[in-house]
Amino acid sequence: MSAPLATADLLLRGGAASLLLLVAGLLVRDVGRSAAARLGVVFALGSGAYALCAAAQVHAAFGPWTAPVLALASGNNVVLWLFALAVFDDGFRLRPGHGAVWAAVVAAAVLHAFVLPPAVARWLDLPLSLQAIGFAALAAVQALTSWRGDLVERRRALRLFVVAAASGHSLVMAGSRLAAGPTPPAGSLASALALFAIAAVVAVALMQVDDRDDLFGARPRPEPAGPPPALDAADRTLLAALERRMGAERAYREEGLTIGRLAASLDVPEHRLRRLVNRGLGHRNFAAFVNGYRLDEAKAALADPAQAEVPVLTIAIDAGFGSLGPFNRAFKAGTGRTPTEYRRAALADFEHGSPISKTGEKRTAIRA
């Protein structure tokens, strides 16, 4: 690489690393308690480490810090995948298996770079490139299939940009290494420029967002003290139609219900329904909005003595859940009890004349 190209490459990578460190600091300061924000911190640091590791001059100067910096960078595609899962699912929880996958990828990368002889290490070239492509593709798929369910417009746009841009960059770089070996100087400079641009957009966006809690859903929001915002006549009409569609017609039972399909059934633009559910009803996630109705039906069924022998799985499927696992997780998150525990307590209360759930009671909004 010529001296001017090397200097430009180094400056861009240093700038990208600095911006990513700023992003990590903003997330730690403002929303460090959410899984998405914590993963965002690790992803920002890992991306900065990757930016520096890819510069030969910096890599050579790391000395004993080379191994931990490379480890942070090499596991970043796994972190990107987990970050995509967390930002598009407010109920996502990190599990030990996630850490095991990250550790396996990092261990393979460290062995490849520092332990194995070159003749053996080259056998890891293909698996390491394929895992990078695979996790980046999983992150992209998660973003593209889930982003429409986010009802907060600004958060939705930034989340999609972060995951799509980072996944696209990872796919291009891993694919080019797989096809052509070491990245040529022009390709390295283009990669550095892309990293700098992505980091700059994210840093500027985070500094402009007034409420980063809203961006990453870090903390549960308290129920509003007063009534919901006043709605105009058109929105009141739409709200009545929405309540009829979700309540009397039980649209929440429909398999694969999306906000686009719901808007089409109400004959309104999707953006208008999204705004009503978010600003008028206080929900930030469409899945949580729908699951509120499903959980209400499930709780009524579980508390009904006439359905005491009906399997929990049947109740979950009837309410619109696709399988027992998501139902159990949503139920525990919404009530603090498992379905079986809730049923046992409800039926015991019923026997003593104080049922805890009554079919037909007025439904309260469940905030995402």
Protein backbone atom coordinates (compact mmCIF):
# COMPACT_ATOMS: atom_id res chain seq x y z
CA MET A 1 0.00 0.00 0.00
CA SER A 2 1.40 3.40 -0.98
CA ALA A 3 2.17 5.94 1.74
CA PRO A 4 -0.80 8.24 0.93
CA LEU A 5 -3.24 5.31 0.87
CA ALA A 6 -1.78 3.90 4.08
CA THR A 7 -2.10 7.27 5.82
CA ALA A 8 -5.70 7.74 4.67
CA ASP A 9 -6.54 4.18 5.70
CA LEU A 10 -5.01 4.69 9.14
CA LEU A 11 -6.76 8.03 9.69
CA LEU A 12 -10.16 6.64 8.71
CA ARG A 13 -9.76 3.57 10.91
CA GLY A 14 -8.58 5.67 13.84
CA GLY A 15 -11.52 8.02 13.34
CA ALA A 16 -13.96 5.11 13.14
CA ALA A 17 -12.52 3.56 16.31
CA SER A 18 -12.82 6.90 18.14
CA LEU A 19 -16.44 7.36 17.06
CA LEU A 20 -17.30 3.80 18.06
CA LEU A 21 -15.73 4.41 21.47
CA LEU A 22 -17.99 7.48 21.76
CA VAL A 23 -21.03 5.36 20.83
CA ALA A 24 -20.09 2.79 23.48
CA GLY A 25 -19.77 5.56 26.06
CA LEU A 26 -23.18 7.00 25.19
CA LEU A 27 -24.81 3.60 25.55
CA VAL A 28 -23.10 2.87 28.85
CA ARG A 29 -24.10 6.27 30.24
CA ASP A 30 -27.72 6.27 29.15
CA VAL A 31 -29.09 2.78 28.63
CA GLY A 32 -26.56 0.34 30.00
CA ARG A 33 -29.19 -1.73 31.80
CA SER A 34 -30.86 -3.17 28.69
CA ALA A 35 -29.63 -6.29 26.88
CA ALA A 36 -29.68 -4.41 23.58
CA ALA A 37 -27.59 -1.55 24.96
CA ARG A 38 -25.08 -3.87 26.63
CA LEU A 39 -24.66 -5.79 23.40
CA GLY A 40 -24.45 -2.48 21.56
CA VAL A 41 -21.52 -1.49 23.80
CA VAL A 42 -19.71 -4.77 23.10
CA PHE A 43 -20.48 -4.50 19.39
CA ALA A 44 -19.19 -0.91 19.22
CA LEU A 45 -15.98 -1.87 21.03
CA GLY A 46 -15.56 -4.96 18.85
CA SER A 47 -16.10 -2.92 15.69
CA GLY A 48 -13.48 -0.44 16.86
CA ALA A 49 -11.09 -3.30 17.56
CA TYR A 50 -11.75 -4.68 14.08
CA ALA A 51 -11.10 -1.28 12.51
CA LEU A 52 -7.71 -1.11 14.22
CA CYS A 53 -6.76 -4.78 13.71
CA ALA A 54 -7.23 -4.45 9.96
CA ALA A 55 -4.56 -1.69 9.80
CA ALA A 56 -1.16 -3.39 9.55
CA GLN A 57 0.68 -0.51 11.22
CA VAL A 58 -1.59 -0.50 14.26
CA HIS A 59 -1.78 -4.27 14.48
CA ALA A 60 1.99 -4.53 14.59
CA ALA A 61 2.17 -1.89 17.35
CA PHE A 62 -0.26 -3.61 19.72
CA GLY A 63 2.40 -5.93 21.15
CA PRO A 64 0.97 -8.03 24.03
CA TRP A 65 -2.44 -6.40 23.52
CA THR A 66 -2.79 -8.00 20.09
CA ALA A 67 -4.46 -11.17 21.37
CA PRO A 68 -7.27 -9.53 23.44
CA VAL A 69 -7.92 -6.92 20.75
CA LEU A 70 -8.09 -9.61 18.07
CA ALA A 71 -10.36 -11.70 20.31
CA LEU A 72 -12.75 -8.77 20.73
CA ALA A 73 -12.77 -8.20 16.96
CA SER A 74 -13.08 -11.85 15.92
CA GLY A 75 -16.21 -12.50 17.98
CA ASN A 76 -17.95 -9.41 16.71
CA ASN A 77 -20.12 -11.13 14.11
CA VAL A 78 -21.62 -13.28 16.86
CA VAL A 79 -22.25 -10.10 18.87
CA LEU A 80 -23.85 -8.49 15.79
CA TRP A 81 -26.28 -11.41 15.53
CA LEU A 82 -27.14 -11.22 19.25
CA PHE A 83 -27.49 -7.43 18.99
CA ALA A 84 -29.95 -7.85 16.12
CA LEU A 85 -31.98 -10.32 18.20
CA ALA A 86 -32.01 -7.96 21.17
CA VAL A 87 -32.87 -4.70 19.42
CA PHE A 88 -35.85 -6.18 17.57
CA ASP A 89 -37.20 -8.20 20.51
CA ASP A 90 -37.74 -6.34 23.79
CA GLY A 91 -38.11 -9.68 25.56
CA PHE A 92 -34.74 -11.08 24.42
CA ARG A 93 -32.52 -12.51 27.15
CA LEU A 94 -28.89 -13.56 26.91
CA ARG A 95 -28.33 -17.23 27.71
CA PRO A 96 -25.21 -19.29 28.49
CA GLY A 97 -25.38 -20.88 25.05
CA HIS A 98 -24.89 -17.48 23.43
CA GLY A 99 -21.68 -16.98 25.38
CA ALA A 100 -20.50 -20.47 24.44
CA VAL A 101 -20.93 -19.71 20.72
CA TRP A 102 -19.01 -16.43 21.09
CA ALA A 103 -16.21 -18.17 23.05
CA ALA A 104 -15.90 -20.92 20.42
CA VAL A 105 -15.49 -18.41 17.59
CA VAL A 106 -12.97 -16.35 19.58
CA ALA A 107 -10.98 -19.46 20.54
CA ALA A 108 -10.80 -20.57 16.91
CA ALA A 109 -9.61 -17.12 15.82
CA VAL A 110 -6.92 -16.94 18.53
CA LEU A 111 -5.71 -20.45 17.71
CA HIS A 112 -5.61 -19.51 14.03
CA ALA A 113 -3.59 -16.34 14.65
CA PHE A 114 -1.24 -17.25 17.50
CA VAL A 115 -1.09 -20.96 18.31
CA LEU A 116 -1.37 -23.23 15.30
CA PRO A 117 1.45 -23.51 12.76
CA PRO A 118 0.62 -21.91 9.39
CA ALA A 119 0.21 -25.28 7.65
CA VAL A 120 -2.51 -26.25 10.14
CA ALA A 121 -3.99 -22.80 10.66
CA ARG A 122 -4.91 -22.45 6.99
CA TRP A 123 -7.54 -25.15 7.48
CA LEU A 124 -9.42 -22.69 9.67
CA ASP A 125 -9.48 -19.99 6.97
CA LEU A 126 -12.65 -21.29 5.36
CA PRO A 127 -14.61 -22.03 8.58
CA LEU A 128 -13.77 -18.60 10.02
CA SER A 129 -14.85 -16.84 6.84
CA LEU A 130 -18.04 -18.88 6.64
CA GLN A 131 -18.98 -18.18 10.27
CA ALA A 132 -18.53 -14.46 9.67
CA ILE A 133 -20.82 -14.64 6.64
CA GLY A 134 -23.31 -16.83 8.47
CA PHE A 135 -23.73 -14.64 11.55
CA ALA A 136 -23.85 -11.46 9.49
CA ALA A 137 -26.56 -13.03 7.32
CA LEU A 138 -28.53 -14.12 10.40
CA ALA A 139 -28.37 -10.56 11.74
CA ALA A 140 -29.56 -9.14 8.42
CA VAL A 141 -32.45 -11.61 8.23
CA GLN A 142 -33.48 -10.81 11.81
CA ALA A 143 -33.47 -7.09 11.03
CA LEU A 144 -35.42 -7.39 7.80
CA THR A 145 -38.06 -9.75 9.19
CA SER A 146 -38.64 -7.98 12.52
CA TRP A 147 -38.12 -4.25 12.05
CA ARG A 148 -41.67 -3.51 10.93
CA GLY A 149 -42.98 -4.56 14.32
CA ASP A 150 -41.17 -1.65 16.00
CA LEU A 151 -43.70 1.15 16.39
CA VAL A 152 -41.23 3.94 17.32
CA GLU A 153 -40.36 5.45 13.96
CA ARG A 154 -37.00 7.01 14.78
CA ARG A 155 -35.81 4.00 16.72
CA ARG A 156 -37.00 1.71 13.96
CA ALA A 157 -35.07 3.57 11.26
CA LEU A 158 -31.81 3.74 13.24
CA ARG A 159 -31.97 0.12 14.33
CA LEU A 160 -32.45 -1.04 10.77
CA PHE A 161 -29.58 1.12 9.53
CA VAL A 162 -27.17 -0.13 12.20
CA VAL A 163 -27.89 -3.83 11.66
CA ALA A 164 -28.24 -3.67 7.88
CA ALA A 165 -25.11 -1.54 7.36
CA ALA A 166 -22.99 -3.61 9.76
CA SER A 167 -24.24 -6.89 8.28
CA GLY A 168 -23.67 -5.67 4.74
CA HIS A 169 -20.12 -4.58 5.56
CA SER A 170 -19.35 -7.90 7.26
CA LEU A 171 -20.79 -9.91 4.37
CA VAL A 172 -18.82 -7.98 1.76
CA MET A 173 -15.51 -8.21 3.64
CA ALA A 174 -15.86 -11.88 4.56
CA GLY A 175 -17.03 -12.73 1.05
CA SER A 176 -14.12 -10.90 -0.56
CA ARG A 177 -11.61 -12.68 1.68
CA LEU A 178 -13.21 -15.99 0.85
CA ALA A 179 -13.09 -15.30 -2.89
CA ALA A 180 -9.80 -13.47 -3.30
CA GLY A 181 -7.72 -13.89 -0.15
CA PRO A 182 -6.13 -10.83 1.53
CA THR A 183 -7.95 -7.55 0.97
CA PRO A 184 -6.20 -5.32 -1.62
CA PRO A 185 -5.17 -1.76 -0.61
CA ALA A 186 -8.12 -0.12 -2.38
CA GLY A 187 -10.51 -2.57 -0.73
CA SER A 188 -9.00 -1.88 2.69
CA LEU A 189 -9.43 1.87 2.16
CA ALA A 190 -13.04 1.38 1.04
CA SER A 191 -13.69 -0.76 4.13
CA ALA A 192 -12.19 1.92 6.38
CA LEU A 193 -14.31 4.60 4.73
CA ALA A 194 -17.47 2.50 5.17
CA LEU A 195 -16.69 1.86 8.84
CA PHE A 196 -16.09 5.56 9.44
CA ALA A 197 -19.35 6.53 7.69
CA ILE A 198 -21.41 3.98 9.66
CA ALA A 199 -19.83 5.03 12.96
CA ALA A 200 -20.40 8.71 12.18
CA VAL A 201 -24.09 8.23 11.33
CA VAL A 202 -24.73 6.22 14.50
CA ALA A 203 -22.82 8.64 16.75
CA VAL A 204 -24.62 11.70 15.35
CA ALA A 205 -28.00 9.95 15.56
CA LEU A 206 -27.44 8.94 19.19
CA MET A 207 -26.45 12.47 20.16
CA GLN A 208 -29.59 13.87 18.52
CA VAL A 209 -32.05 11.44 20.12
CA ASP A 210 -33.60 13.09 23.17
CA ASP A 211 -34.57 9.84 24.86
CA ARG A 212 -32.19 6.96 24.27
CA ASP A 213 -34.26 4.84 26.66
CA ASP A 214 -36.90 4.96 23.95
CA LEU A 215 -34.30 4.00 21.35
CA PHE A 216 -33.29 0.75 23.02
CA GLY A 217 -36.19 0.11 25.42
CA ALA A 218 -33.85 0.06 28.37
CA ARG A 219 -36.37 0.44 31.13
CA PRO A 220 -40.06 -0.37 31.49
CA ARG A 221 -42.14 2.75 31.11
CA PRO A 222 -44.60 3.61 33.87
CA GLU A 223 -48.21 3.85 32.92
CA PRO A 224 -49.16 7.45 32.16
CA ALA A 225 -50.68 9.31 35.09
CA GLY A 226 -53.34 10.99 32.98
CA PRO A 227 -55.54 10.01 30.05
CA PRO A 228 -53.99 9.14 26.67
CA PRO A 229 -53.31 12.00 24.23
CA ALA A 230 -56.42 13.53 22.70
CA LEU A 231 -57.35 11.94 19.39
CA ASP A 232 -59.02 13.69 16.51
CA ALA A 233 -62.28 12.42 15.05
CA ALA A 234 -60.58 10.30 12.37
CA ASP A 235 -58.30 8.60 14.91
CA ARG A 236 -61.23 7.96 17.26
CA THR A 237 -63.03 6.25 14.41
CA LEU A 238 -59.94 4.21 13.61
CA LEU A 239 -59.48 3.33 17.29
CA ALA A 240 -63.06 2.03 17.48
CA ALA A 241 -62.48 -0.08 14.37
CA LEU A 242 -59.19 -1.38 15.78
CA GLU A 243 -60.80 -2.34 19.09
CA ARG A 244 -63.61 -4.11 17.25
CA ARG A 245 -61.13 -5.93 15.00
CA MET A 246 -58.91 -7.01 17.88
CA GLY A 247 -61.65 -7.58 20.47
CA ALA A 248 -64.89 -8.80 18.96
CA GLU A 249 -63.31 -10.29 15.83
CA ARG A 250 -60.21 -11.62 17.65
CA ALA A 251 -57.76 -10.73 14.91
CA TYR A 252 -54.93 -11.54 17.33
CA ARG A 253 -55.67 -15.23 16.76
CA GLU A 254 -54.65 -14.99 13.11
CA GLU A 255 -51.40 -16.79 12.30
CA GLY A 256 -48.62 -14.47 11.15
CA LEU A 257 -50.52 -11.28 11.92
CA THR A 258 -48.44 -8.20 11.06
CA ILE A 259 -49.18 -4.52 11.38
CA GLY A 260 -49.29 -4.36 7.58
CA ARG A 261 -51.97 -7.04 7.38
CA LEU A 262 -53.92 -5.45 10.20
CA ALA A 263 -53.78 -2.04 8.50
CA ALA A 264 -54.94 -3.58 5.22
CA SER A 265 -57.89 -5.24 6.96
CA LEU A 266 -58.84 -1.84 8.41
CA ASP A 267 -58.29 -0.15 5.03
CA VAL A 268 -55.86 2.45 6.40
CA PRO A 269 -52.21 3.23 5.61
CA GLU A 270 -49.77 1.28 7.74
CA HIS A 271 -48.01 4.43 9.01
CA ARG A 272 -51.29 5.79 10.35
CA LEU A 273 -52.08 2.62 12.29
CA ARG A 274 -48.50 2.49 13.55
CA ARG A 275 -48.80 6.06 14.86
CA LEU A 276 -52.15 5.34 16.56
CA VAL A 277 -50.90 2.22 18.35
CA ASN A 278 -47.67 3.94 19.39
CA ARG A 279 -48.75 7.47 20.28
CA GLY A 280 -52.43 6.95 21.00
CA LEU A 281 -52.25 3.65 22.91
CA GLY A 282 -48.68 3.86 24.22
CA HIS A 283 -47.26 0.67 22.71
CA ARG A 284 -43.74 0.57 21.31
CA ASN A 285 -43.76 -2.91 19.82
CA PHE A 286 -46.47 -4.53 17.70
CA ALA A 287 -45.81 -8.04 19.00
CA ALA A 288 -46.32 -6.86 22.59
CA PHE A 289 -49.53 -5.09 21.56
CA VAL A 290 -50.92 -8.28 20.01
CA ASN A 291 -49.64 -10.49 22.82
CA GLY A 292 -51.56 -8.37 25.30
CA TYR A 293 -54.83 -9.56 23.77
CA ARG A 294 -53.57 -13.13 23.57
CA LEU A 295 -52.53 -13.13 27.20
CA ASP A 296 -55.88 -11.71 28.30
CA GLU A 297 -57.68 -14.58 26.58
CA ALA A 298 -55.24 -17.14 27.99
CA LYS A 299 -55.60 -15.79 31.53
CA ALA A 300 -59.38 -15.92 31.30
CA ALA A 301 -59.22 -19.52 30.07
CA LEU A 302 -56.74 -20.59 32.74
CA ALA A 303 -58.94 -19.05 35.46
CA ASP A 304 -62.11 -20.70 34.13
CA PRO A 305 -63.08 -23.79 36.19
CA ALA A 306 -64.93 -25.17 33.16
CA GLN A 307 -61.58 -25.35 31.32
CA ALA A 308 -59.54 -26.76 34.19
CA GLU A 309 -58.74 -29.93 32.24
CA VAL A 310 -57.86 -28.18 28.99
CA PRO A 311 -54.08 -28.50 28.32
CA VAL A 312 -52.05 -25.31 28.57
CA LEU A 313 -50.77 -25.91 25.03
CA THR A 314 -54.33 -25.93 23.68
CA ILE A 315 -55.10 -22.65 25.44
CA ALA A 316 -51.90 -21.10 24.06
CA ILE A 317 -52.63 -22.19 20.48
CA ASP A 318 -56.27 -21.08 20.70
CA ALA A 319 -55.13 -17.63 21.87
CA GLY A 320 -52.87 -17.23 18.85
CA PHE A 321 -49.44 -18.31 20.08
CA GLY A 322 -47.56 -20.51 17.65
CA SER A 323 -45.98 -22.79 20.24
CA LEU A 324 -45.65 -23.33 23.97
CA GLY A 325 -42.17 -21.79 24.42
CA PRO A 326 -43.05 -18.21 23.31
CA PHE A 327 -46.33 -18.44 25.24
CA ASN A 328 -44.59 -19.44 28.48
CA ARG A 329 -42.02 -16.66 28.12
CA ALA A 330 -44.63 -14.00 27.33
CA PHE A 331 -46.90 -15.20 30.14
CA LYS A 332 -44.11 -15.17 32.73
CA ALA A 333 -42.99 -11.72 31.59
CA GLY A 334 -46.54 -10.38 31.72
CA THR A 335 -47.75 -11.91 34.99
CA GLY A 336 -44.66 -12.97 36.93
CA ARG A 337 -46.01 -16.55 37.02
CA THR A 338 -45.93 -19.58 34.79
CA PRO A 339 -49.29 -20.53 33.21
CA THR A 340 -49.56 -23.53 35.53
CA GLU A 341 -48.89 -21.43 38.63
CA TYR A 342 -51.41 -18.82 37.46
CA ARG A 343 -54.07 -21.49 36.86
CA ARG A 344 -53.49 -23.11 40.23
CA ALA A 345 -53.80 -19.78 42.08
CA ALA A 346 -56.81 -18.66 40.03
CA LEU A 347 -58.75 -21.87 40.60
CA ALA A 348 -57.90 -21.84 44.30
CA ASP A 349 -59.20 -18.28 44.57
CA PHE A 350 -62.32 -19.24 42.66
CA GLU A 351 -63.05 -22.03 45.11
CA HIS A 352 -62.87 -19.47 47.91
CA GLY A 353 -65.26 -17.14 46.10
CA SER A 354 -62.78 -14.52 44.81
CA PRO A 355 -61.82 -15.31 41.23
CA ILE A 356 -58.78 -13.32 40.09
CA SER A 357 -59.91 -13.18 36.49
CA LYS A 358 -63.29 -12.67 34.94
CA THR A 359 -64.08 -13.21 31.28
CA GLY A 360 -65.27 -10.03 29.68
CA GLU A 361 -63.55 -7.60 32.05
CA LYS A 362 -62.40 -4.38 30.50
CA ARG A 363 -59.00 -4.76 28.91
CA THR A 364 -56.22 -2.39 29.96
CA ALA A 365 -53.47 -1.32 27.60
CA ILE A 366 -50.24 -3.27 27.97
CA ARG A 367 -47.24 -1.12 27.30
CA ALA A 368 -44.43 -2.63 25.30
